[in-house]
Amino acid sequence: MAAYDVAALSRLIEQFERMPGVGHKSAQRMAFYVLDMPQEEAEKFARTITDAHKKIHRCKICCNLTEGDVCSICANEARDKSVICVVEDPRDVIAIEKTHEYGGTYHVLHGAISPMNGIGPDQLTIKQLLARLDGVKEVIMATNPTVEGEATAMYISRLLKPMGIRTTRLAYGVPVGADLEYADEVTLTRAMEGRRDI
């Protein structure tokens, strides 16, 4: 099979190229991997993608991804419902859960305020967050340490201030194994602000 003389192969490569972080060569490898699958396995792979699209939706409480009405974290009675950790993306929930250090609940914004990209507060799940604050004592802003993440954290904290809810920000600092000379000013400032007793 000569490269690119098959329209279906070209379309398959193009679809893989649309994925974030996937270049042309990686897309080619994935396309040929799929073509090398037995027919039954390829159909199962396609069904899995279609099923995920049909079954996975946002939790009606925290907006994380789930197959049920409510995600397993919101449904867990052992979680501290008085603390909400606000994140930009469902992947951030997975990252924090891996630490096994946090026992509260989450709220997924599905993005960050970015006027340059046409994303304002109304495109995020901020209204849903404000609607679930009854009995909440602390909101932890765990948005990314980017200009957009900082702007989003500040916007939400201004909304929460009149409600008397404690609003905290994750302390971002110097990663383990990094040299201080290579750290940027924002990282070092965050590291100083987040310092604690030893």
Foldseek 3Di string as FASTA:
>chain_A
DDPPPDPVLVVQLVVQCPDPPAHSVNSNVVSVVLVPDDPVVNVVVVVVVVCCVVQWFAALQQGAIDRDNHDPLVVDPQAAAQEEEEEAHNVVVVVVVVVVPHRHYYHYFVHFDDVVVPDHSVSTCLVSVVVRNVNHQEYEQEYDPDPRSVVRLVVSVVVCVVVNHHYHYDQAEDDPPDDPVPDDPSRHVSCVVPDDDD
